[in-house]
Protein backbone atom coordinates (compact mmCIF):
# COMPACT_ATOMS: atom_id res chain seq x y z
CA MET A 1 0.00 0.00 0.00
CA ARG A 2 1.39 3.39 -0.97
CA LEU A 3 1.80 5.85 1.89
CA SER A 4 1.03 9.55 1.78
CA LEU A 5 3.71 12.17 2.12
CA THR A 6 2.64 12.92 5.71
CA GLN A 7 2.85 9.24 6.63
CA ARG A 8 6.26 8.82 5.01
CA VAL A 9 7.62 11.95 6.70
CA SER A 10 6.20 10.79 10.06
CA ILE A 11 7.80 7.36 9.71
CA VAL A 12 11.17 8.83 8.75
CA PHE A 13 10.95 11.30 11.64
CA SER A 14 10.06 8.52 14.08
CA VAL A 15 12.97 6.37 12.94
CA LEU A 16 15.39 9.31 13.14
CA LEU A 17 14.09 10.31 16.58
CA LEU A 18 14.46 6.78 17.95
CA ALA A 19 17.90 6.48 16.38
CA CYS A 20 18.96 9.80 17.89
CA CYS A 21 17.61 8.79 21.29
CA GLY A 22 19.45 5.47 21.08
CA ALA A 23 22.66 7.12 19.95
CA SER A 24 22.31 9.75 22.66
CA ALA A 25 21.78 7.08 25.32
CA TRP A 26 24.74 5.06 24.07
CA LEU A 27 26.98 8.14 23.96
CA GLN A 28 25.87 9.17 27.45
CA ILE A 29 26.56 5.69 28.85
CA ARG A 30 29.86 5.52 27.00
CA ALA A 31 30.91 8.96 28.23
CA SER A 32 29.89 8.05 31.76
CA ASP A 33 31.93 4.82 31.61
CA LEU A 34 34.98 6.63 30.29
CA HIS A 35 34.61 9.26 33.00
CA ASP A 36 34.35 6.60 35.71
CA GLN A 37 37.35 4.75 34.32
CA GLU A 38 39.41 7.94 34.21
CA VAL A 39 38.43 8.85 37.77
CA ILE A 40 39.16 5.34 39.09
CA GLN A 41 42.49 5.14 37.28
CA ALA A 42 43.53 8.61 38.45
CA LEU A 43 42.60 7.89 42.08
CA SER A 44 44.39 4.50 42.05
CA HIS A 45 47.30 5.64 39.94
CA ASP A 46 49.94 4.92 42.61
CA LEU A 47 48.37 1.76 44.03
CA ALA A 48 50.76 -0.59 42.21
CA PHE A 49 53.71 1.63 43.16
CA HIS A 50 52.90 1.37 46.87
CA ILE A 51 52.63 -2.40 46.57
CA ALA A 52 55.96 -2.61 44.75
CA SER A 53 57.60 -0.37 47.42
CA ASN A 54 56.82 -2.82 50.23
CA SER A 55 60.29 -4.19 51.20
CA ALA A 56 58.77 -7.21 52.91
CA LEU A 57 57.74 -8.53 49.51
CA MET A 58 61.22 -8.53 48.05
CA GLY A 59 63.95 -11.07 48.78
CA ALA A 60 67.56 -11.37 47.75
CA ASP A 61 66.54 -13.30 44.66
CA GLY A 62 63.57 -11.06 43.79
CA PRO A 63 59.90 -10.96 44.75
CA LYS A 64 58.61 -13.50 47.27
CA PRO A 65 55.67 -15.26 45.58
CA ALA A 66 54.13 -16.48 48.80
CA ALA A 67 54.25 -13.05 50.41
CA LEU A 68 52.88 -11.45 47.26
CA ARG A 69 50.01 -13.92 47.09
CA THR A 70 49.15 -13.23 50.71
CA LEU A 71 49.20 -9.49 50.08
CA PHE A 72 47.16 -9.89 46.92
CA GLY A 73 44.53 -11.79 48.85
CA GLN A 74 44.40 -9.14 51.56
CA LEU A 75 44.08 -6.29 49.04
CA MET A 76 41.31 -8.04 47.16
CA ALA A 77 39.50 -8.76 50.43
CA VAL A 78 39.70 -5.08 51.40
CA ASN A 79 38.75 -3.85 47.88
CA PRO A 80 36.99 -6.63 45.93
CA SER A 81 36.96 -4.52 42.77
CA VAL A 82 40.74 -4.82 42.25
CA GLU A 83 42.73 -7.76 40.96
CA VAL A 84 46.51 -7.84 41.52
CA TYR A 85 48.96 -9.74 39.33
CA LEU A 86 52.74 -10.19 39.25
CA LEU A 87 54.23 -10.03 35.77
CA ASP A 88 57.72 -10.90 34.63
CA ALA A 89 59.78 -8.64 32.41
CA ASN A 90 57.98 -10.01 29.31
CA GLY A 91 54.46 -9.52 30.68
CA ARG A 92 53.81 -13.14 31.60
CA ILE A 93 51.77 -13.68 34.77
CA THR A 94 53.92 -15.29 37.44
CA GLY A 95 51.81 -14.63 40.51
CA ASP A 96 48.12 -14.06 41.31
CA ASP A 97 45.43 -14.90 43.84
CA ALA A 98 42.67 -15.68 41.34
CA PRO A 99 40.38 -18.68 41.94
CA PRO A 100 41.33 -21.73 39.89
CA GLY A 101 40.16 -21.57 36.29
CA HIS A 102 39.52 -17.80 36.25
CA ILE A 103 42.70 -16.86 34.41
CA ARG A 104 41.92 -16.84 30.67
CA ARG A 105 45.24 -15.55 29.36
CA MET A 106 48.67 -15.71 30.92
CA GLN A 107 50.26 -12.95 28.83
CA VAL A 108 49.63 -9.21 29.28
CA ASP A 109 50.45 -6.68 26.58
CA LEU A 110 53.14 -4.38 28.01
CA LEU A 111 52.55 -1.49 25.55
CA PRO A 112 49.68 -0.01 27.62
CA VAL A 113 51.84 -0.54 30.74
CA GLN A 114 54.67 1.46 29.18
CA ARG A 115 52.20 4.24 28.26
CA PHE A 116 50.87 4.25 31.85
CA LEU A 117 54.40 4.47 33.31
CA ALA A 118 55.16 7.31 30.88
CA ASN A 119 52.25 9.27 32.43
CA GLN A 120 50.31 9.58 29.16
CA PRO A 121 46.71 10.94 29.27
CA LEU A 122 44.17 8.77 31.06
CA PRO A 123 42.23 6.56 30.75
CA ILE A 124 44.57 3.87 29.45
CA LEU A 125 43.11 0.40 28.98
CA GLY A 126 45.12 -2.76 29.40
CA ASP A 127 44.50 -6.50 29.03
CA ASP A 128 42.19 -8.23 31.52
CA PRO A 129 43.74 -11.64 32.40
CA ARG A 130 40.31 -12.98 33.36
CA SER A 131 38.88 -12.34 29.88
CA VAL A 132 39.91 -13.41 26.42
CA ASP A 133 39.55 -9.97 24.82
CA ALA A 134 38.37 -7.46 27.46
CA ARG A 135 40.41 -4.38 28.29
CA LYS A 136 40.18 -2.43 31.56
CA VAL A 137 41.83 0.41 33.45
CA PHE A 138 44.76 -0.60 35.59
CA SER A 139 47.62 0.56 37.78
CA ALA A 140 51.18 -0.66 37.20
CA ALA A 141 54.60 -0.33 38.76
CA VAL A 142 58.08 -1.63 37.93
CA ILE A 143 59.79 -4.22 40.22
CA SER A 144 63.57 -3.77 40.02
CA GLY A 145 65.98 -6.69 40.38
CA ALA A 146 69.25 -6.88 42.34
CA ASP A 147 71.16 -5.43 39.39
CA GLY A 148 68.73 -2.52 39.14
CA ARG A 149 67.12 -3.76 35.99
CA PRO A 150 63.31 -4.32 35.75
CA ALA A 151 62.60 -7.82 37.02
CA GLY A 152 58.84 -7.59 36.53
CA TYR A 153 55.73 -5.50 37.13
CA ILE A 154 52.96 -5.18 39.66
CA TYR A 155 49.77 -5.13 37.52
CA VAL A 156 46.52 -4.11 39.24
CA VAL A 157 43.22 -4.37 37.34
CA LEU A 158 41.07 -1.67 38.98
CA ILE A 159 37.69 -2.97 37.80
CA GLY A 160 37.67 -6.69 38.43
CA GLU A 161 35.18 -9.52 38.10
CA ALA A 162 33.47 -8.74 41.39
CA ARG A 163 32.69 -5.19 40.30
CA ASP A 164 31.45 -6.39 36.87
CA ALA A 165 29.12 -8.89 38.54
CA LEU A 166 27.78 -6.22 40.89
CA ALA A 167 27.26 -3.78 37.98
CA SER A 168 25.41 -6.47 36.05
CA ARG A 169 23.05 -7.04 38.96
CA LEU A 170 22.49 -3.32 39.44
CA ALA A 171 21.64 -3.00 35.73
CA GLN A 172 18.34 -4.66 36.58
CA SER A 173 17.70 -2.29 39.46
CA THR A 174 14.83 0.15 39.83
CA VAL A 175 17.11 3.15 39.22
CA LEU A 176 18.17 1.92 35.80
CA ARG A 177 14.64 0.95 34.85
CA THR A 178 13.41 4.37 35.99
CA THR A 179 16.10 6.07 33.91
CA LEU A 180 15.25 4.07 30.83
CA GLY A 181 11.55 4.70 31.45
CA LEU A 182 12.15 8.44 31.60
CA MET A 183 14.09 8.30 28.37
CA ALA A 184 11.22 6.39 26.78
CA VAL A 185 8.74 9.01 28.01
CA VAL A 186 10.90 11.83 26.63
CA ALA A 187 11.22 10.03 23.30
CA SER A 188 7.45 9.42 23.17
CA LEU A 189 6.67 13.06 23.93
CA GLY A 190 9.13 14.17 21.27
CA LEU A 191 7.58 11.76 18.79
CA ILE A 192 4.05 12.98 19.53
CA ALA A 193 5.13 16.63 19.31
CA GLY A 194 6.94 15.93 16.03
CA LEU A 195 3.95 14.17 14.50
CA ILE A 196 1.64 17.02 15.51
CA ALA A 197 4.10 19.54 14.07
CA PHE A 198 4.34 17.60 10.81
CA GLY A 199 0.56 17.40 10.65
CA LEU A 200 0.28 21.18 11.03
CA ILE A 201 3.06 21.78 8.51
CA THR A 202 1.64 19.46 5.87
CA ARG A 203 -1.99 20.56 6.34
CA PRO A 204 -1.67 23.36 3.76
CA LEU A 205 -0.03 20.87 1.41
CA ARG A 206 -2.93 18.44 1.89
CA ARG A 207 -5.37 21.26 1.23
CA LEU A 208 -3.46 22.15 -1.93
CA THR A 209 -3.49 18.48 -2.97
CA ASP A 210 -7.28 18.35 -2.57
CA THR A 211 -7.61 21.54 -4.60
CA VAL A 212 -5.43 20.15 -7.39
CA SER A 213 -7.42 16.89 -7.37
CA ARG A 214 -10.73 18.74 -7.71
CA PHE A 215 -9.28 20.89 -10.47
CA ASP A 216 -8.03 17.80 -12.30
CA ALA A 217 -11.43 16.11 -11.89
CA SER A 218 -13.21 19.12 -13.40
CA ILE A 219 -10.82 19.10 -16.35
CA ARG A 220 -11.35 15.37 -16.90
CA GLU A 221 -15.12 15.86 -16.86
CA GLY A 222 -14.81 18.50 -19.55
CA SER A 223 -16.44 21.22 -17.45
CA GLU A 224 -15.07 24.70 -17.04
CA PRO A 225 -12.66 24.82 -14.06
CA ALA A 226 -14.01 26.98 -11.27
CA PRO A 227 -11.84 29.72 -9.74
CA LEU A 228 -9.81 28.45 -6.78
CA ALA A 229 -10.35 29.92 -3.32
CA LEU A 230 -7.06 30.88 -1.66
CA SER A 231 -6.33 30.29 2.00
CA ARG A 232 -5.63 33.25 4.26
CA SER A 233 -1.87 32.77 4.15
CA ALA A 234 -1.82 32.29 0.36
CA ALA A 235 -3.96 35.40 -0.18
CA HIS A 236 -1.35 37.51 1.62
CA THR A 237 1.11 38.60 -1.07
CA GLY A 238 3.89 39.34 1.42
CA THR A 239 4.04 35.81 2.84
CA ARG A 240 7.30 33.85 2.73
CA ASP A 241 5.61 30.49 3.27
CA GLU A 242 6.71 28.29 0.35
CA ILE A 243 3.50 26.24 0.40
CA ALA A 244 1.36 29.42 0.40
CA ILE A 245 3.40 30.76 -2.51
CA LEU A 246 2.93 27.43 -4.32
CA GLU A 247 -0.82 27.60 -3.67
CA ARG A 248 -1.07 31.14 -5.01
CA THR A 249 1.04 30.24 -8.05
CA PHE A 250 -1.15 27.24 -8.79
CA ALA A 251 -4.28 29.39 -8.47
CA GLN A 252 -2.82 31.82 -11.00
CA MET A 253 -1.96 28.92 -13.30
CA ALA A 254 -5.50 27.55 -12.88
CA ASP A 255 -6.92 30.96 -13.85
CA ARG A 256 -4.78 30.98 -16.97
CA ILE A 257 -5.87 27.45 -17.80
CA GLY A 258 -9.47 28.53 -17.30
CA LEU A 259 -8.99 31.41 -19.72
CA GLN A 260 -7.32 29.11 -22.23
CA TRP A 261 -10.12 26.58 -21.75
CA ARG A 262 -12.74 29.24 -22.52
CA GLU A 263 -10.69 30.46 -25.47
CA LEU A 264 -10.42 26.91 -26.85
CA LYS A 265 -14.15 26.42 -26.37
CA ARG A 266 -14.83 29.67 -28.20
CA GLN A 267 -12.44 28.73 -31.00
CA ASP A 268 -14.05 25.31 -31.27
CA GLN A 269 -17.47 26.94 -31.57
CA GLU A 270 -16.15 29.33 -34.20
CA ARG A 271 -14.56 26.43 -36.07
CA ARG A 272 -17.89 24.63 -36.13
CA GLU A 273 -19.59 27.75 -37.43
CA LEU A 274 -16.84 28.18 -40.01
CA PHE A 275 -17.31 24.65 -41.30
CA ALA A 276 -21.08 25.13 -41.42
CA ASN A 277 -20.75 28.42 -43.30
CA ILE A 278 -18.19 27.08 -45.74
CA SER A 279 -20.34 24.03 -46.37
CA HIS A 280 -23.24 26.34 -47.24
CA ASP A 281 -21.04 28.53 -49.43
CA LEU A 282 -19.74 25.48 -51.26
CA ARG A 283 -23.12 23.81 -51.57
CA THR A 284 -24.79 26.79 -53.29
CA PRO A 285 -22.37 27.18 -56.25
CA LEU A 286 -21.90 23.41 -56.56
CA THR A 287 -25.66 22.91 -56.73
CA SER A 288 -25.97 25.64 -59.34
CA LEU A 289 -23.01 24.25 -61.30
CA HIS A 290 -24.44 20.74 -61.22
CA GLY A 291 -27.89 22.01 -62.29
CA TYR A 292 -26.65 23.89 -65.35
CA LEU A 293 -24.33 21.07 -66.40
CA GLU A 294 -27.19 18.60 -66.03
CA THR A 295 -29.42 20.86 -68.11
CA LEU A 296 -26.76 21.07 -70.81
CA SER A 297 -26.44 17.30 -70.78
CA LEU A 298 -30.18 16.55 -70.96
CA LYS A 299 -31.21 19.29 -73.42
CA ASP A 300 -28.13 19.40 -75.61
CA ASP A 301 -30.15 18.70 -78.76
CA THR A 302 -32.90 21.24 -78.04
CA LEU A 303 -30.89 24.18 -76.66
CA LYS A 304 -30.09 27.06 -78.90
CA GLY A 305 -26.57 28.40 -79.20
CA VAL A 306 -27.32 31.52 -77.16
CA GLU A 307 -28.85 29.52 -74.29
CA ARG A 308 -26.02 26.97 -74.35
CA ARG A 309 -23.42 29.75 -74.11
CA ARG A 310 -25.34 31.39 -71.25
CA TYR A 311 -25.55 28.12 -69.33
CA LEU A 312 -21.85 27.50 -69.87
CA ALA A 313 -20.98 31.00 -68.71
CA ILE A 314 -23.00 30.54 -65.52
CA ALA A 315 -21.41 27.13 -64.89
CA LEU A 316 -17.93 28.55 -65.42
CA ALA A 317 -18.67 31.42 -63.03
CA GLN A 318 -19.89 29.02 -60.35
CA SER A 319 -16.85 26.81 -60.92
CA ALA A 320 -14.52 29.79 -60.52
CA LYS A 321 -16.34 30.73 -57.34
CA VAL A 322 -15.79 27.24 -55.91
CA GLY A 323 -12.15 27.38 -56.96
CA ARG A 324 -11.58 30.73 -55.24
CA LEU A 325 -13.20 29.46 -52.06
CA ALA A 326 -11.14 26.26 -52.08
CA GLN A 327 -7.95 28.25 -52.68
CA SER A 328 -8.79 30.55 -49.78
CA LEU A 329 -9.39 27.58 -47.48
CA PHE A 330 -6.08 26.02 -48.49
CA GLU A 331 -4.19 29.26 -47.96
CA LEU A 332 -5.81 29.89 -44.56
CA ALA A 333 -4.98 26.34 -43.43
CA ARG A 334 -1.38 26.79 -44.53
CA LEU A 335 -1.05 30.07 -42.67
CA GLU A 336 -2.65 28.66 -39.51
CA HIS A 337 -0.91 25.30 -39.24
CA GLU A 338 2.39 25.47 -41.13
CA ASN A 339 5.58 27.20 -40.10
CA VAL A 340 5.41 29.94 -42.72
CA GLN A 341 8.66 31.82 -43.20
CA LEU A 342 8.62 35.43 -44.34
CA THR A 343 10.77 36.56 -47.26
CA LEU A 344 11.60 40.07 -46.12
CA GLU A 345 12.67 42.63 -48.68
CA THR A 346 12.64 46.39 -49.04
CA PHE A 347 10.20 47.88 -51.55
CA PRO A 348 8.10 51.04 -52.04
CA LEU A 349 4.54 50.41 -50.92
CA ALA A 350 3.16 52.94 -53.45
CA ASP A 351 4.24 50.67 -56.34
CA VAL A 352 2.40 47.72 -54.79
CA VAL A 353 -0.77 49.81 -54.46
CA GLN A 354 -0.62 50.76 -58.15
CA ASP A 355 -0.07 47.12 -59.17
CA VAL A 356 -3.11 46.03 -57.17
CA PHE A 357 -5.20 48.82 -58.70
CA GLN A 358 -4.38 47.47 -62.16
CA LYS A 359 -5.84 44.07 -61.22
CA PHE A 360 -9.29 45.62 -60.73
CA GLU A 361 -9.09 48.19 -63.55
CA LEU A 362 -11.56 46.50 -65.89
CA GLU A 363 -14.05 45.64 -63.15
CA VAL A 364 -14.15 49.13 -61.65
CA GLN A 365 -14.50 50.75 -65.08
CA ALA A 366 -17.46 48.52 -65.85
CA ARG A 367 -19.17 49.46 -62.60
CA GLN A 368 -18.00 53.10 -62.58
CA ILE A 369 -16.18 52.68 -59.25
CA ARG A 370 -13.33 55.10 -58.51
CA LEU A 371 -10.02 53.89 -57.07
CA GLN A 372 -8.24 56.66 -55.18
CA ALA A 373 -4.64 56.48 -53.85
CA ASN A 374 -3.44 59.15 -51.39
CA ILE A 375 0.37 58.82 -51.21
CA PRO A 376 2.41 61.65 -49.66
CA PRO A 377 5.79 62.54 -51.17
CA GLY A 378 8.91 61.21 -49.49
CA LEU A 379 7.18 58.14 -48.10
CA PRO A 380 9.82 55.61 -46.94
CA ALA A 381 9.98 52.08 -48.27
CA VAL A 382 8.80 49.21 -46.09
CA CYS A 383 10.53 46.01 -45.04
CA ALA A 384 8.08 43.10 -45.47
CA ASP A 385 7.14 40.06 -47.53
CA LEU A 386 6.17 41.53 -50.90
CA GLY A 387 3.89 38.67 -51.91
CA MET A 388 1.95 38.68 -48.64
CA ILE A 389 1.47 42.45 -48.57
CA GLU A 390 0.22 42.37 -52.15
CA ARG A 391 -2.24 39.63 -51.14
CA VAL A 392 -3.39 41.70 -48.14
CA LEU A 393 -4.15 44.73 -50.31
CA THR A 394 -5.80 42.53 -52.95
CA ASN A 395 -8.16 40.93 -50.43
CA LEU A 396 -9.11 44.26 -48.86
CA LEU A 397 -9.77 45.90 -52.24
CA ASP A 398 -11.64 42.82 -53.52
CA ASN A 399 -13.96 42.88 -50.49
CA ALA A 400 -14.56 46.61 -50.86
CA ILE A 401 -15.25 46.48 -54.62
CA ARG A 402 -17.45 43.37 -54.46
CA HIS A 403 -19.76 44.89 -51.86
CA MET A 404 -19.65 48.42 -53.27
CA PRO A 405 -22.68 49.81 -55.15
CA ASP A 406 -21.98 51.06 -58.65
CA GLY A 407 -20.56 54.57 -58.75
CA GLY A 408 -18.87 54.32 -55.34
CA GLU A 409 -15.29 54.99 -54.32
CA VAL A 410 -12.48 52.93 -52.76
CA SER A 411 -9.44 54.75 -51.39
CA VAL A 412 -6.02 53.67 -50.13
CA GLU A 413 -4.16 56.15 -47.91
CA LEU A 414 -0.48 55.79 -46.99
CA ALA A 415 1.24 57.85 -44.30
CA ARG A 416 4.38 57.76 -42.17
CA GLU A 417 3.96 57.36 -38.40
CA GLY A 418 7.36 57.32 -36.70
CA ASP A 419 9.19 54.16 -37.78
CA LYS A 420 5.99 52.76 -39.30
CA VAL A 421 4.05 53.24 -42.52
CA SER A 422 0.30 53.18 -41.98
CA VAL A 423 -2.15 51.86 -44.59
CA VAL A 424 -5.85 52.76 -44.56
CA VAL A 425 -8.31 51.13 -46.98
CA SER A 426 -11.83 52.64 -46.99
CA ASP A 427 -14.91 52.63 -49.18
CA THR A 428 -18.26 54.36 -49.49
CA GLY A 429 -20.27 51.15 -49.28
CA PRO A 430 -22.86 50.09 -46.71
CA GLY A 431 -20.22 49.26 -44.07
CA ILE A 432 -20.35 46.46 -41.53
CA ALA A 433 -23.22 45.92 -39.14
CA PRO A 434 -22.37 46.64 -35.46
CA GLU A 435 -23.34 43.12 -34.34
CA LEU A 436 -20.70 41.65 -36.67
CA ARG A 437 -17.73 43.76 -35.60
CA ALA A 438 -16.84 41.83 -32.45
CA SER A 439 -16.26 38.62 -34.42
CA LEU A 440 -15.05 40.23 -37.62
CA PHE A 441 -11.53 38.78 -37.57
CA ARG A 442 -12.32 35.53 -35.78
CA ARG A 443 -14.49 33.59 -38.25
CA ALA A 444 -16.10 33.66 -41.64
CA PHE A 445 -19.49 35.36 -41.76
CA SER A 446 -22.65 33.31 -41.75
CA SER A 447 -24.62 32.84 -44.92
CA GLY A 448 -27.05 35.66 -44.22
CA ASP A 449 -24.43 38.34 -43.57
CA VAL A 450 -23.87 41.18 -45.92
CA ARG A 451 -20.18 40.36 -46.39
CA ARG A 452 -20.26 36.60 -46.09
CA GLN A 453 -17.90 36.21 -49.08
CA GLY A 454 -15.25 38.35 -47.39
CA GLY A 455 -14.88 36.36 -44.19
CA LEU A 456 -12.08 34.04 -45.34
CA GLY A 457 -10.28 36.91 -47.03
CA LEU A 458 -10.22 38.89 -43.79
CA LEU A 459 -8.96 35.87 -41.85
CA ILE A 460 -6.11 35.50 -44.36
CA VAL A 461 -5.32 39.21 -44.07
CA GLN A 462 -5.25 39.01 -40.29
CA ARG A 463 -2.92 35.99 -40.25
CA MET A 464 -0.50 37.50 -42.79
CA LEU A 465 -0.26 40.74 -40.83
CA GLN A 466 0.26 38.79 -37.60
CA LEU A 467 3.28 37.14 -39.20
CA HIS A 468 4.62 40.67 -39.81
CA GLY A 469 4.04 41.68 -36.18
CA SER A 470 1.13 43.90 -37.18
CA ARG A 471 -2.65 43.71 -36.91
CA ILE A 472 -5.67 44.73 -38.90
CA GLU A 473 -8.16 47.12 -37.28
CA LEU A 474 -11.64 48.30 -38.20
CA VAL A 475 -11.94 52.06 -37.66
CA ASP A 476 -14.87 54.44 -37.88
CA ARG A 477 -14.89 57.35 -40.33
CA GLU A 478 -17.69 59.74 -41.12
CA GLN A 479 -19.30 59.41 -44.55
CA ARG A 480 -17.32 56.24 -45.24
CA GLY A 481 -18.34 52.61 -45.20
CA ALA A 482 -15.88 49.96 -44.01
CA THR A 483 -12.43 51.32 -43.12
CA PHE A 484 -9.51 49.02 -42.34
CA SER A 485 -6.04 50.08 -41.21
CA PHE A 486 -2.70 48.41 -40.45
CA LYS A 487 0.95 49.38 -40.13
CA LEU A 488 4.22 48.05 -41.53
CA ASP A 489 7.82 48.61 -40.48
CA ALA A 490 9.56 51.33 -42.43
CA ALA A 491 12.95 50.35 -43.84
CA PRO A 492 15.97 52.29 -42.51
CA ALA A 493 17.10 55.11 -44.78
CA TRP A 494 20.44 53.48 -45.66
CA VAL A 495 18.70 50.23 -46.57
CA ALA A 496 16.19 52.04 -48.76
CA LEU A 497 19.01 53.93 -50.59
CA LYS A 498 20.93 50.68 -51.12
CA ALA A 499 17.83 49.00 -52.53
């Protein structure tokens, strides 16, 4: 079973607390033992020397074993915690008063003895003859022979078997149990306090986890995520609490996701409307095209030449209409979904305007529509993609002319505004209804709109200008119909001269 963060932290804290308590108890006991050993060894430092100084123990040939054994027995009777041994010059035990079978090793390492005699810092531990590997504090003194050379050593173990047995029995005493009980109580209180503290610390994190879970559930259900309510600490902008800062940051992220969710929903709705509108726009000319072609096929023998040519002209017009619409859809899809790269170059915008005017020259003459270009002298060149800008002007003029009554006027005004060149395209047509302006550059118009054929063209214009870092705007002008404006970057003077 997977544990929560609070449970894992609590378990780790409990283990660390118990380990620290155990280590602390061990260190305290160890320090106490070392202190006791140092005190005992310091107090009994000269005990072996006083024994070795007793002249009654020494004979002409060296120490008297019988006398030493008697003295050893008396000392151990007076102080049962000490054990006295007689060592030869090599550290071998040559005399003791230990009960039979208690001596476990007959050789004592003399290196600690030499350190003790050299008055090095205490405590110094030496071999315990009554143990295979134990080491204890001791007192030692040199026994000199007749020639003045060391004949052996008096070796006194200061903490003997009797004291170890007594300490072992006292380890089960009420005092020790009380001490261990108190340590257990302290550890338990620390554990409880730590768990409570961790619970309080992780409570905001649990609250944030619940909030994230609810937010995720709302996203999975496809419903709009509701705004998140911040806690008191998270609502305070000056807080330094990391969890509160995380909560506030997540709430801000959730708000942005909510906005994006609404934007995606709106775009999805617009996409559905776009598909519906395009389907209607395609169905109408296709139906007309199919009808006239079917008529030509069924009545080929009975139709007169004039009627046949009229039917063919209508069919060709409807076919061209479908082709233009399909081309616009393809171009819009390419601009929206492909990584289109601009081919920037420097060119005079006035020349592009005149080229676009020539495209519509025959149509405007037939309908008596005036094309007016207002270009001030000294206008700087622009730095842009020539093909895209020509397409932008073509679409805007095509929309204006197509929805312009005969005898109207379409004007293009160029002007310099700082490091930009502004372009304004206006007409004297009926304009755009107020209810359509909010969604003018977001989708194609529905079938009943006045400018339903210009919707895709405006979307293409908007996307092309976005690639240039510009945007198309609908502005209001008195005595004018639809007026669109945008701006392009002016080329630096030295670049324009070089071009």
